[in-house]
Amino acid sequence: MNTDEKGLIDCTKTPATKQSIMKDLSNLGVTSGMTLLVHSSLSALGWVCGGPVAVILALEETIGPGGNLVMPTHSTDLSDPSEWRNPPVPKAWWKIIRETMPPYDPDLTPTRGVGVVPECFRKQKSVLRSMHPQVSFAAYGSKAATIVGRHSLDFGLGEDSPLARIYDLAGWILLVGVGHQSNTSLHLAEYRATYPSKRLIKQRAPMVIEGRREWVEFQDIKLDDSDFEVIGEHFIKETKFARCGHVAQATAILMPQRPLVDYAVRWIEKNRR
């Protein structure tokens, strides 16, 4: 939301509405029937009449009943406290956290670090959320169950993830008010690429297994988004696939996911050490 230093609304800007957002989405190239993975910042849009609800309805109505809307609903705080860095907690707390942290519940567990729009979206009736305790996705539409229904614990952003199902469906990515560092599809490229510094790690999260709360261990790779902005910028300049514009007051980029992932695999293999 645009405010001045006193926290007041900037009245020189035109408020966004569901209808104006739909118009901006259409002008950018969002069409009926698309499978659309959205990463967003509500505050970047300016003042929106209806807030995240208006944004979600605008997206759903623009892609229509034949489309599929997908958002990240990550909950990375459901992890071992020894791994926490932002912020860390005292070592004396680790045992308490491990013994008492509630397990992942797709209906109850809130999102972390992905913004208010996905947090609102995941609660909507008919939205399905995948069962990964740390990197879940939520989907709405005719193929929602296909996209999120079989999300593997191991390698949660890899071949058995919603990202790979979006790739299969020739889906699209929409960045609204965020950069490529938020572009989770580039992680799929990390899994597919071969590069010297790639390494396996172990992750843990509390889950309910056969009615009992347990800390479950699973495999992953050490993810690295430090070069995502560079990869995204090079993709835009070199391929001309991306469509850049605005949604309300936010900068927006619409791009096909499959060419981006394929490009990123080649870029990572060439440039990462």
C-alpha atoms as a PDB file:
ATOM      1  CA  MET A   1       0.000   0.000   0.000  1.00  0.00           C
ATOM      2  CA  ASN A   2       1.343   3.444  -0.913  1.00  0.00           C
ATOM      3  CA  THR A   3       1.622   5.664   2.189  1.00  0.00           C
ATOM      4  CA  ASP A   4       3.662   8.689   3.200  1.00  0.00           C
ATOM      5  CA  GLU A   5       6.105   8.868   6.106  1.00  0.00           C
ATOM      6  CA  LYS A   6       3.173   9.321   8.529  1.00  0.00           C
ATOM      7  CA  GLY A   7       1.478   6.152   7.311  1.00  0.00           C
ATOM      8  CA  LEU A   8      -1.285   7.992   5.458  1.00  0.00           C
ATOM      9  CA  ILE A   9      -2.669   6.740   2.148  1.00  0.00           C
ATOM     10  CA  ASP A  10      -1.167   8.446  -0.912  1.00  0.00           C
ATOM     11  CA  CYS A  11      -4.304  10.010  -2.368  1.00  0.00           C
ATOM     12  CA  THR A  12      -2.523  11.085  -5.552  1.00  0.00           C
ATOM     13  CA  LYS A  13      -2.645   7.481  -6.774  1.00  0.00           C
ATOM     14  CA  THR A  14      -5.702   5.794  -8.299  1.00  0.00           C
ATOM     15  CA  PRO A  15      -7.006   2.867  -6.240  1.00  0.00           C
ATOM     16  CA  ALA A  16      -6.900  -0.546  -7.848  1.00  0.00           C
ATOM     17  CA  THR A  17     -10.042  -2.669  -8.116  1.00  0.00           C
ATOM     18  CA  LYS A  18     -10.787  -6.214  -9.180  1.00  0.00           C
ATOM     19  CA  GLN A  19     -11.884  -4.884 -12.569  1.00  0.00           C
ATOM     20  CA  SER A  20      -8.786  -2.722 -13.103  1.00  0.00           C
ATOM     21  CA  ILE A  21      -6.510  -5.598 -12.103  1.00  0.00           C
ATOM     22  CA  MET A  22      -8.290  -7.897 -14.575  1.00  0.00           C
ATOM     23  CA  LYS A  23      -7.720  -5.327 -17.306  1.00  0.00           C
ATOM     24  CA  ASP A  24      -4.015  -5.083 -16.427  1.00  0.00           C
ATOM     25  CA  LEU A  25      -3.681  -8.873 -16.387  1.00  0.00           C
ATOM     26  CA  SER A  26      -5.310  -9.149 -19.813  1.00  0.00           C
ATOM     27  CA  ASN A  27      -3.080  -6.389 -21.210  1.00  0.00           C
ATOM     28  CA  LEU A  28      -0.047  -8.270 -19.915  1.00  0.00           C
ATOM     29  CA  GLY A  29      -1.142 -11.445 -21.705  1.00  0.00           C
ATOM     30  CA  VAL A  30      -2.926 -13.539 -19.078  1.00  0.00           C
ATOM     31  CA  THR A  31      -5.660 -15.460 -20.902  1.00  0.00           C
ATOM     32  CA  SER A  32      -8.492 -17.858 -20.234  1.00  0.00           C
ATOM     33  CA  GLY A  33      -7.389 -21.442 -19.707  1.00  0.00           C
ATOM     34  CA  MET A  34      -3.871 -20.692 -18.509  1.00  0.00           C
ATOM     35  CA  THR A  35      -2.140 -22.640 -15.768  1.00  0.00           C
ATOM     36  CA  LEU A  36      -0.635 -19.727 -13.849  1.00  0.00           C
ATOM     37  CA  LEU A  37       1.881 -19.803 -10.991  1.00  0.00           C
ATOM     38  CA  VAL A  38       1.782 -16.455  -9.192  1.00  0.00           C
ATOM     39  CA  HIS A  39       4.381 -14.854  -6.932  1.00  0.00           C
ATOM     40  CA  SER A  40       3.195 -11.529  -5.550  1.00  0.00           C
ATOM     41  CA  SER A  41       3.577  -8.601  -3.195  1.00  0.00           C
ATOM     42  CA  LEU A  42       0.274  -6.999  -2.256  1.00  0.00           C
ATOM     43  CA  SER A  43       1.930  -3.830  -0.973  1.00  0.00           C
ATOM     44  CA  ALA A  44       3.579  -3.242  -4.366  1.00  0.00           C
ATOM     45  CA  LEU A  45       0.143  -2.957  -6.006  1.00  0.00           C
ATOM     46  CA  GLY A  46      -0.742   0.205  -4.109  1.00  0.00           C
ATOM     47  CA  TRP A  47      -4.165   0.625  -2.505  1.00  0.00           C
ATOM     48  CA  VAL A  48      -6.438  -2.216  -3.615  1.00  0.00           C
ATOM     49  CA  CYS A  49     -10.174  -2.105  -2.959  1.00  0.00           C
ATOM     50  CA  GLY A  50     -10.762  -5.500  -1.396  1.00  0.00           C
ATOM     51  CA  GLY A  51      -7.102  -6.253  -0.736  1.00  0.00           C
ATOM     52  CA  PRO A  52      -5.951  -9.824  -1.394  1.00  0.00           C
ATOM     53  CA  VAL A  53      -9.502 -11.018  -2.067  1.00  0.00           C
ATOM     54  CA  ALA A  54      -9.801  -8.663  -5.036  1.00  0.00           C
ATOM     55  CA  VAL A  55      -6.431  -9.822  -6.379  1.00  0.00           C
ATOM     56  CA  ILE A  56      -7.380 -13.493  -6.115  1.00  0.00           C
ATOM     57  CA  LEU A  57     -10.785 -12.997  -7.728  1.00  0.00           C
ATOM     58  CA  ALA A  58      -9.205 -10.971 -10.553  1.00  0.00           C
ATOM     59  CA  LEU A  59      -6.719 -13.774 -11.238  1.00  0.00           C
ATOM     60  CA  GLU A  60      -9.351 -16.518 -11.120  1.00  0.00           C
ATOM     61  CA  GLU A  61     -11.816 -14.698 -13.344  1.00  0.00           C
ATOM     62  CA  THR A  62      -9.144 -13.807 -15.887  1.00  0.00           C
ATOM     63  CA  ILE A  63      -7.969 -17.414 -16.340  1.00  0.00           C
ATOM     64  CA  GLY A  64     -11.578 -18.646 -16.258  1.00  0.00           C
ATOM     65  CA  PRO A  65     -13.044 -22.020 -15.264  1.00  0.00           C
ATOM     66  CA  GLY A  66     -10.657 -23.929 -17.539  1.00  0.00           C
ATOM     67  CA  GLY A  67      -7.558 -22.384 -15.999  1.00  0.00           C
ATOM     68  CA  ASN A  68      -5.493 -23.284 -12.956  1.00  0.00           C
ATOM     69  CA  LEU A  69      -4.183 -20.835 -10.388  1.00  0.00           C
ATOM     70  CA  VAL A  70      -1.199 -21.906  -8.277  1.00  0.00           C
ATOM     71  CA  MET A  71       0.651 -20.130  -5.461  1.00  0.00           C
ATOM     72  CA  PRO A  72       3.482 -21.088  -3.106  1.00  0.00           C
ATOM     73  CA  THR A  73       2.245 -21.703   0.447  1.00  0.00           C
ATOM     74  CA  HIS A  74       5.585 -22.441   2.048  1.00  0.00           C
ATOM     75  CA  SER A  75       6.033 -22.941   5.788  1.00  0.00           C
ATOM     76  CA  THR A  76       9.794 -23.174   6.155  1.00  0.00           C
ATOM     77  CA  ASP A  77       9.610 -22.517   9.898  1.00  0.00           C
ATOM     78  CA  LEU A  78       8.492 -26.161  10.258  1.00  0.00           C
ATOM     79  CA  SER A  79      12.099 -27.264  10.377  1.00  0.00           C
ATOM     80  CA  ASP A  80      14.721 -28.229  12.905  1.00  0.00           C
ATOM     81  CA  PRO A  81      15.564 -25.178  15.063  1.00  0.00           C
ATOM     82  CA  SER A  82      19.285 -25.883  14.749  1.00  0.00           C
ATOM     83  CA  GLU A  83      18.959 -24.726  11.114  1.00  0.00           C
ATOM     84  CA  TRP A  84      17.215 -21.424  11.859  1.00  0.00           C
ATOM     85  CA  ARG A  85      19.106 -18.288  10.861  1.00  0.00           C
ATOM     86  CA  ASN A  86      16.463 -15.557  10.312  1.00  0.00           C
ATOM     87  CA  PRO A  87      16.312 -15.271  13.251  1.00  0.00           C
ATOM     88  CA  PRO A  88      18.231 -17.979  15.130  1.00  0.00           C
ATOM     89  CA  VAL A  89      17.005 -19.137  18.530  1.00  0.00           C
ATOM     90  CA  PRO A  90      19.077 -20.045  21.608  1.00  0.00           C
ATOM     91  CA  LYS A  91      20.376 -23.604  21.678  1.00  0.00           C
ATOM     92  CA  ALA A  92      18.651 -24.032  25.045  1.00  0.00           C
ATOM     93  CA  TRP A  93      15.308 -23.740  23.232  1.00  0.00           C
ATOM     94  CA  TRP A  94      15.939 -26.491  20.655  1.00  0.00           C
ATOM     95  CA  LYS A  95      14.717 -29.362  22.812  1.00  0.00           C
ATOM     96  CA  ILE A  96      11.506 -27.536  23.750  1.00  0.00           C
ATOM     97  CA  ILE A  97      10.786 -26.657  20.117  1.00  0.00           C
ATOM     98  CA  ARG A  98      11.413 -30.197  18.918  1.00  0.00           C
ATOM     99  CA  GLU A  99       9.095 -31.622  21.586  1.00  0.00           C
ATOM    100  CA  THR A 100       6.208 -29.167  21.192  1.00  0.00           C
ATOM    101  CA  MET A 101       6.097 -27.739  17.653  1.00  0.00           C
ATOM    102  CA  PRO A 102       2.674 -28.553  16.109  1.00  0.00           C
ATOM    103  CA  PRO A 103       2.871 -30.807  13.042  1.00  0.00           C
ATOM    104  CA  TYR A 104       2.090 -29.699   9.521  1.00  0.00           C
ATOM    105  CA  ASP A 105      -1.620 -29.372   8.836  1.00  0.00           C
ATOM    106  CA  PRO A 106      -2.530 -28.167   5.318  1.00  0.00           C
ATOM    107  CA  ASP A 107      -5.712 -26.547   6.633  1.00  0.00           C
ATOM    108  CA  LEU A 108      -4.173 -24.853   9.673  1.00  0.00           C
ATOM    109  CA  THR A 109      -0.465 -24.249   9.131  1.00  0.00           C
ATOM    110  CA  PRO A 110       0.089 -20.642   8.003  1.00  0.00           C
ATOM    111  CA  THR A 111       2.429 -19.608   5.227  1.00  0.00           C
ATOM    112  CA  ARG A 112       5.738 -17.899   5.888  1.00  0.00           C
ATOM    113  CA  GLY A 113       7.567 -15.434   3.684  1.00  0.00           C
ATOM    114  CA  VAL A 114       5.338 -15.668   0.606  1.00  0.00           C
ATOM    115  CA  GLY A 115       3.004 -12.743   1.238  1.00  0.00           C
ATOM    116  CA  VAL A 116      -0.598 -12.115   2.215  1.00  0.00           C
ATOM    117  CA  VAL A 117      -2.149 -13.112  -1.133  1.00  0.00           C
ATOM    118  CA  PRO A 118      -1.130 -16.814  -0.907  1.00  0.00           C
ATOM    119  CA  GLU A 119      -2.086 -16.863   2.770  1.00  0.00           C
ATOM    120  CA  CYS A 120      -5.590 -15.700   1.826  1.00  0.00           C
ATOM    121  CA  PHE A 121      -5.747 -17.945  -1.248  1.00  0.00           C
ATOM    122  CA  ARG A 122      -4.963 -21.172   0.622  1.00  0.00           C
ATOM    123  CA  LYS A 123      -8.105 -20.729   2.770  1.00  0.00           C
ATOM    124  CA  GLN A 124     -10.504 -20.461  -0.159  1.00  0.00           C
ATOM    125  CA  LYS A 125     -13.023 -23.223  -0.638  1.00  0.00           C
ATOM    126  CA  SER A 126     -12.007 -25.657  -3.413  1.00  0.00           C
ATOM    127  CA  VAL A 127      -8.327 -24.701  -3.144  1.00  0.00           C
ATOM    128  CA  LEU A 128      -6.115 -27.758  -2.623  1.00  0.00           C
ATOM    129  CA  ARG A 129      -2.811 -27.573  -0.756  1.00  0.00           C
ATOM    130  CA  SER A 130      -0.020 -30.091  -1.130  1.00  0.00           C
ATOM    131  CA  MET A 131       1.257 -32.153   1.780  1.00  0.00           C
ATOM    132  CA  HIS A 132       4.878 -31.022   1.896  1.00  0.00           C
ATOM    133  CA  PRO A 133       5.514 -29.543   5.368  1.00  0.00           C
ATOM    134  CA  GLN A 134       7.981 -26.896   4.179  1.00  0.00           C
ATOM    135  CA  VAL A 135       7.462 -26.078   0.474  1.00  0.00           C
ATOM    136  CA  SER A 136       3.780 -26.719  -0.193  1.00  0.00           C
ATOM    137  CA  PHE A 137       1.800 -25.159  -3.050  1.00  0.00           C
ATOM    138  CA  ALA A 138      -1.912 -24.422  -3.290  1.00  0.00           C
ATOM    139  CA  ALA A 139      -3.918 -24.768  -6.493  1.00  0.00           C
ATOM    140  CA  TYR A 140      -7.385 -23.924  -7.753  1.00  0.00           C
ATOM    141  CA  GLY A 141      -8.887 -25.132 -11.009  1.00  0.00           C
ATOM    142  CA  SER A 142      -9.670 -28.144 -13.133  1.00  0.00           C
ATOM    143  CA  LYS A 143      -6.209 -29.698 -12.704  1.00  0.00           C
ATOM    144  CA  ALA A 144      -5.559 -28.663  -9.114  1.00  0.00           C
ATOM    145  CA  ALA A 145      -5.393 -32.259  -7.868  1.00  0.00           C
ATOM    146  CA  THR A 146      -2.938 -33.180 -10.626  1.00  0.00           C
ATOM    147  CA  ILE A 147      -0.698 -30.248  -9.741  1.00  0.00           C
ATOM    148  CA  VAL A 148      -0.530 -30.640  -5.946  1.00  0.00           C
ATOM    149  CA  GLY A 149      -1.822 -34.151  -5.279  1.00  0.00           C
ATOM    150  CA  ARG A 150       1.435 -36.137  -5.259  1.00  0.00           C
ATOM    151  CA  HIS A 151       4.056 -33.826  -3.780  1.00  0.00           C
ATOM    152  CA  SER A 152       7.083 -35.866  -2.703  1.00  0.00           C
ATOM    153  CA  LEU A 153       8.803 -35.226   0.634  1.00  0.00           C
ATOM    154  CA  ASP A 154      12.220 -35.847  -0.887  1.00  0.00           C
ATOM    155  CA  PHE A 155      13.505 -33.112  -3.207  1.00  0.00           C
ATOM    156  CA  GLY A 156      10.430 -30.948  -2.574  1.00  0.00           C
ATOM    157  CA  LEU A 157      10.929 -28.546  -5.495  1.00  0.00           C
ATOM    158  CA  GLY A 158      12.073 -31.206  -7.939  1.00  0.00           C
ATOM    159  CA  GLU A 159      10.591 -33.804 -10.260  1.00  0.00           C
ATOM    160  CA  ASP A 160       7.755 -34.904  -7.976  1.00  0.00           C
ATOM    161  CA  SER A 161       6.687 -31.378  -7.055  1.00  0.00           C
ATOM    162  CA  PRO A 162       3.925 -29.046  -8.275  1.00  0.00           C
ATOM    163  CA  LEU A 163       6.601 -27.121 -10.175  1.00  0.00           C
ATOM    164  CA  ALA A 164       7.273 -30.133 -12.394  1.00  0.00           C
ATOM    165  CA  ARG A 165       3.536 -30.661 -12.964  1.00  0.00           C
ATOM    166  CA  ILE A 166       3.210 -27.026 -14.062  1.00  0.00           C
ATOM    167  CA  TYR A 167       6.107 -27.693 -16.458  1.00  0.00           C
ATOM    168  CA  ASP A 168       4.206 -30.717 -17.841  1.00  0.00           C
ATOM    169  CA  LEU A 169       1.128 -28.530 -18.374  1.00  0.00           C
ATOM    170  CA  ALA A 170       3.131 -25.834 -20.207  1.00  0.00           C
ATOM    171  CA  GLY A 171       2.154 -23.378 -17.498  1.00  0.00           C
ATOM    172  CA  TRP A 172       3.060 -19.739 -17.033  1.00  0.00           C
ATOM    173  CA  ILE A 173       4.698 -17.702 -14.257  1.00  0.00           C
ATOM    174  CA  LEU A 174       3.482 -14.297 -13.132  1.00  0.00           C
ATOM    175  CA  LEU A 175       5.707 -12.115 -10.941  1.00  0.00           C
ATOM    176  CA  VAL A 176       3.800  -9.173  -9.473  1.00  0.00           C
ATOM    177  CA  GLY A 177       5.854  -6.702  -7.470  1.00  0.00           C
ATOM    178  CA  VAL A 178       8.591  -9.280  -6.797  1.00  0.00           C
ATOM    179  CA  GLY A 179      11.819 -10.220  -8.539  1.00  0.00           C
ATOM    180  CA  HIS A 180      13.253 -13.465  -9.819  1.00  0.00           C
ATOM    181  CA  GLN A 181      14.622 -14.303  -6.373  1.00  0.00           C
ATOM    182  CA  SER A 182      11.008 -15.246  -5.562  1.00  0.00           C
ATOM    183  CA  ASN A 183      10.672 -17.297  -8.743  1.00  0.00           C
ATOM    184  CA  THR A 184      10.455 -20.848  -7.366  1.00  0.00           C
ATOM    185  CA  SER A 185      10.529 -22.418 -10.836  1.00  0.00           C
ATOM    186  CA  LEU A 186      14.233 -21.613 -10.985  1.00  0.00           C
ATOM    187  CA  HIS A 187      14.686 -24.125  -8.168  1.00  0.00           C
ATOM    188  CA  LEU A 188      13.325 -26.816 -10.491  1.00  0.00           C
ATOM    189  CA  ALA A 189      16.199 -25.912 -12.815  1.00  0.00           C
ATOM    190  CA  GLU A 190      18.635 -26.369  -9.911  1.00  0.00           C
ATOM    191  CA  TYR A 191      17.419 -29.934  -9.450  1.00  0.00           C
ATOM    192  CA  ARG A 192      17.739 -30.711 -13.146  1.00  0.00           C
ATOM    193  CA  ALA A 193      21.137 -29.089 -13.678  1.00  0.00           C
ATOM    194  CA  THR A 194      24.499 -30.729 -13.043  1.00  0.00           C
ATOM    195  CA  TYR A 195      27.124 -28.466 -11.449  1.00  0.00           C
ATOM    196  CA  PRO A 196      30.174 -29.021  -9.187  1.00  0.00           C
ATOM    197  CA  SER A 197      28.856 -27.386  -5.980  1.00  0.00           C
ATOM    198  CA  LYS A 198      25.559 -29.300  -5.966  1.00  0.00           C
ATOM    199  CA  ARG A 199      25.181 -31.308  -2.771  1.00  0.00           C
ATOM    200  CA  LEU A 200      22.636 -33.346  -0.864  1.00  0.00           C
ATOM    201  CA  ILE A 201      21.337 -32.360   2.563  1.00  0.00           C
ATOM    202  CA  LYS A 202      18.899 -33.759   5.118  1.00  0.00           C
ATOM    203  CA  GLN A 203      15.805 -31.865   6.286  1.00  0.00           C
ATOM    204  CA  ARG A 204      13.412 -32.568   9.166  1.00  0.00           C
ATOM    205  CA  ALA A 205       9.866 -31.435   9.883  1.00  0.00           C
ATOM    206  CA  PRO A 206       7.043 -32.400  12.285  1.00  0.00           C
ATOM    207  CA  MET A 207       4.215 -34.315  10.596  1.00  0.00           C
ATOM    208  CA  VAL A 208       1.358 -36.636  11.502  1.00  0.00           C
ATOM    209  CA  ILE A 209       2.168 -40.205  10.465  1.00  0.00           C
ATOM    210  CA  GLU A 210      -0.538 -42.823  11.081  1.00  0.00           C
ATOM    211  CA  GLY A 211      -2.144 -40.604  13.670  1.00  0.00           C
ATOM    212  CA  ARG A 212       1.052 -39.805  15.556  1.00  0.00           C
ATOM    213  CA  ARG A 213       3.167 -36.652  15.574  1.00  0.00           C
ATOM    214  CA  GLU A 214       6.681 -37.447  14.378  1.00  0.00           C
ATOM    215  CA  TRP A 215       9.757 -35.606  13.155  1.00  0.00           C
ATOM    216  CA  VAL A 216      10.200 -36.896   9.615  1.00  0.00           C
ATOM    217  CA  GLU A 217      13.543 -36.807   7.795  1.00  0.00           C
ATOM    218  CA  PHE A 218      13.807 -36.324   4.039  1.00  0.00           C
ATOM    219  CA  GLN A 219      16.433 -35.589   1.398  1.00  0.00           C
ATOM    220  CA  ASP A 220      16.955 -32.377  -0.514  1.00  0.00           C
ATOM    221  CA  ILE A 221      19.649 -30.413  -2.272  1.00  0.00           C
ATOM    222  CA  LYS A 222      21.235 -27.273  -0.881  1.00  0.00           C
ATOM    223  CA  LEU A 223      19.244 -24.574  -2.658  1.00  0.00           C
ATOM    224  CA  ASP A 224      20.856 -21.329  -3.818  1.00  0.00           C
ATOM    225  CA  ASP A 225      18.875 -18.384  -5.165  1.00  0.00           C
ATOM    226  CA  SER A 226      21.802 -15.947  -5.196  1.00  0.00           C
ATOM    227  CA  ASP A 227      22.028 -15.945  -9.008  1.00  0.00           C
ATOM    228  CA  PHE A 228      18.288 -16.029  -9.763  1.00  0.00           C
ATOM    229  CA  GLU A 229      18.048 -12.311 -10.554  1.00  0.00           C
ATOM    230  CA  VAL A 230      20.876 -12.623 -13.085  1.00  0.00           C
ATOM    231  CA  ILE A 231      19.333 -15.715 -14.658  1.00  0.00           C
ATOM    232  CA  GLY A 232      15.951 -13.999 -14.947  1.00  0.00           C
ATOM    233  CA  GLU A 233      17.413 -10.848 -16.463  1.00  0.00           C
ATOM    234  CA  HIS A 234      19.409 -12.834 -19.031  1.00  0.00           C
ATOM    235  CA  PHE A 235      16.345 -14.901 -19.918  1.00  0.00           C
ATOM    236  CA  ILE A 236      14.304 -11.763 -20.584  1.00  0.00           C
ATOM    237  CA  LYS A 237      17.006 -10.121 -22.692  1.00  0.00           C
ATOM    238  CA  GLU A 238      18.084 -13.169 -24.673  1.00  0.00           C
ATOM    239  CA  THR A 239      14.844 -15.027 -25.369  1.00  0.00           C
ATOM    240  CA  LYS A 240      12.182 -12.303 -25.692  1.00  0.00           C
ATOM    241  CA  PHE A 241       9.645 -14.744 -24.198  1.00  0.00           C
ATOM    242  CA  ALA A 242       8.772 -12.592 -21.190  1.00  0.00           C
ATOM    243  CA  ARG A 243       6.066  -9.943 -21.243  1.00  0.00           C
ATOM    244  CA  CYS A 244       6.786  -6.995 -18.946  1.00  0.00           C
ATOM    245  CA  GLY A 245       4.321  -4.397 -17.735  1.00  0.00           C
ATOM    246  CA  HIS A 246       2.332  -3.354 -14.694  1.00  0.00           C
ATOM    247  CA  VAL A 247      -0.511  -4.675 -12.572  1.00  0.00           C
ATOM    248  CA  ALA A 248      -1.884  -1.704 -10.679  1.00  0.00           C
ATOM    249  CA  GLN A 249       1.266   0.092  -9.431  1.00  0.00           C
ATOM    250  CA  ALA A 250       3.428  -3.037  -9.367  1.00  0.00           C
ATOM    251  CA  THR A 251       5.892  -4.058 -12.029  1.00  0.00           C
ATOM    252  CA  ALA A 252       4.854  -7.403 -13.489  1.00  0.00           C
ATOM    253  CA  ILE A 253       6.478 -10.091 -15.607  1.00  0.00           C
ATOM    254  CA  LEU A 254       4.602 -12.907 -17.361  1.00  0.00           C
ATOM    255  CA  MET A 255       6.657 -15.743 -18.822  1.00  0.00           C
ATOM    256  CA  PRO A 256       6.199 -19.345 -19.956  1.00  0.00           C
ATOM    257  CA  GLN A 257       7.648 -21.667 -17.320  1.00  0.00           C
ATOM    258  CA  ARG A 258       9.036 -24.402 -19.567  1.00  0.00           C
ATOM    259  CA  PRO A 259      11.387 -22.184 -21.643  1.00  0.00           C
ATOM    260  CA  LEU A 260      12.540 -20.434 -18.455  1.00  0.00           C
ATOM    261  CA  VAL A 261      13.412 -23.695 -16.689  1.00  0.00           C
ATOM    262  CA  ASP A 262      15.169 -25.095 -19.772  1.00  0.00           C
ATOM    263  CA  TYR A 263      17.161 -21.867 -20.148  1.00  0.00           C
ATOM    264  CA  ALA A 264      18.067 -21.829 -16.455  1.00  0.00           C
ATOM    265  CA  VAL A 265      19.354 -25.414 -16.560  1.00  0.00           C
ATOM    266  CA  ARG A 266      21.764 -24.457 -19.344  1.00  0.00           C
ATOM    267  CA  TRP A 267      22.782 -21.236 -17.573  1.00  0.00           C
ATOM    268  CA  ILE A 268      23.452 -22.973 -14.245  1.00  0.00           C
ATOM    269  CA  GLU A 269      25.483 -25.744 -15.856  1.00  0.00           C
ATOM    270  CA  LYS A 270      27.588 -23.169 -17.663  1.00  0.00           C
ATOM    271  CA  ASN A 271      28.097 -20.686 -14.850  1.00  0.00           C
ATOM    272  CA  ARG A 272      27.875 -22.370 -11.448  1.00  0.00           C
ATOM    273  CA  ARG A 273      31.002 -23.835  -9.952  1.00  0.00           C
END
